[in-house]
C-alpha atoms as a PDB file:
ATOM      1  CA  UNK A   1      -4.974  -5.119 -34.216  1.00  0.00           C
ATOM      2  CA  UNK A   2      -4.697  -7.844 -31.743  1.00  0.00           C
ATOM      3  CA  UNK A   3      -2.226  -5.767 -29.546  1.00  0.00           C
ATOM      4  CA  UNK A   4      -5.058  -3.022 -29.464  1.00  0.00           C
ATOM      5  CA  UNK A   5      -7.644  -5.516 -28.115  1.00  0.00           C
ATOM      6  CA  UNK A   6      -5.261  -6.921 -25.500  1.00  0.00           C
ATOM      7  CA  UNK A   7      -4.557  -3.387 -24.336  1.00  0.00           C
ATOM      8  CA  UNK A   8      -8.228  -2.642 -24.086  1.00  0.00           C
ATOM      9  CA  UNK A   9      -8.926  -5.811 -22.214  1.00  0.00           C
ATOM     10  CA  UNK A  10      -6.035  -5.041 -19.535  1.00  0.00           C
ATOM     11  CA  UNK A  11      -7.371  -1.283 -19.298  1.00  0.00           C
ATOM     12  CA  UNK A  12     -11.117  -2.751 -18.687  1.00  0.00           C
ATOM     13  CA  UNK A  13     -10.073  -5.211 -16.108  1.00  0.00           C
ATOM     14  CA  UNK A  14      -7.990  -2.720 -14.221  1.00  0.00           C
ATOM     15  CA  UNK A  15     -10.874  -0.617 -14.005  1.00  0.00           C
ATOM     16  CA  UNK A  16     -12.995  -3.091 -12.737  1.00  0.00           C
ATOM     17  CA  UNK A  17     -10.356  -4.333 -10.086  1.00  0.00           C
ATOM     18  CA  UNK A  18      -9.814  -0.717  -9.052  1.00  0.00           C
ATOM     19  CA  UNK A  19     -13.429   0.060  -8.848  1.00  0.00           C
ATOM     20  CA  UNK A  20     -14.179  -2.922  -6.545  1.00  0.00           C
ATOM     21  CA  UNK A  21     -11.154  -1.971  -4.120  1.00  0.00           C
ATOM     22  CA  UNK A  22     -12.588   1.716  -4.091  1.00  0.00           C
ATOM     23  CA  UNK A  23     -16.066   0.170  -3.210  1.00  0.00           C
ATOM     24  CA  UNK A  24     -14.783  -2.078  -0.435  1.00  0.00           C
ATOM     25  CA  UNK A  25     -12.831   0.630   1.145  1.00  0.00           C
ATOM     26  CA  UNK A  26     -15.889   3.005   1.032  1.00  0.00           C
ATOM     27  CA  UNK A  27     -17.797   0.400   2.849  1.00  0.00           C
ATOM     28  CA  UNK A  28     -15.305  -0.207   5.316  1.00  0.00           C
ATOM     29  CA  UNK A  29     -15.044   3.446   6.092  1.00  0.00           C
ATOM     30  CA  UNK A  30     -18.776   3.803   6.245  1.00  0.00           C
ATOM     31  CA  UNK A  31     -19.138   1.011   8.763  1.00  0.00           C
ATOM     32  CA  UNK A  32     -16.396   2.757  11.034  1.00  0.00           C
ATOM     33  CA  UNK A  33     -18.102   6.068  10.898  1.00  0.00           C
ATOM     34  CA  UNK A  34     -21.243   4.502  11.738  1.00  0.00           C
ATOM     35  CA  UNK A  35     -19.671   2.465  14.728  1.00  0.00           C
ATOM     36  CA  UNK A  36     -17.828   5.687  15.926  1.00  0.00           C
ATOM     37  CA  UNK A  37     -21.186   7.661  15.763  1.00  0.00           C
ATOM     38  CA  UNK A  38     -23.173   4.824  17.886  1.00  0.00           C
ATOM     39  CA  UNK A  39     -20.331   5.044  20.306  1.00  0.00           C
ATOM     40  CA  UNK A  40     -20.622   8.906  20.621  1.00  0.00           C
ATOM     41  CA  UNK A  41     -24.252   8.468  21.018  1.00  0.00           C
ATOM     42  CA  UNK A  42     -24.169   6.041  23.777  1.00  0.00           C
ATOM     43  CA  UNK A  43     -21.678   7.997  25.863  1.00  0.00           C
ATOM     44  CA  UNK A  44     -23.237  11.405  25.147  1.00  0.00           C
ATOM     45  CA  UNK A  45     -23.775  11.798  28.917  1.00  0.00           C
ATOM     46  CA  UNK A  46     -20.278  11.572  29.639  1.00  0.00           C
ATOM     47  CA  UNK A  47     -19.202  14.311  27.242  1.00  0.00           C
ATOM     48  CA  UNK A  48     -18.944  17.573  28.795  1.00  0.00           C
ATOM     49  CA  UNK A  49     -17.545  20.905  27.187  1.00  0.00           C
END
């Protein structure tokens, strides 16, 4: 029975770690997208089609 609890603990811990990594990656990507958007808005007079 103890082996089952250890497996459940490991699985839960892995889920928390992976969830934290996904949230951090999402925050970084969002920040980069905002920075790119601001750059485009600042330089919109230079963009011609």
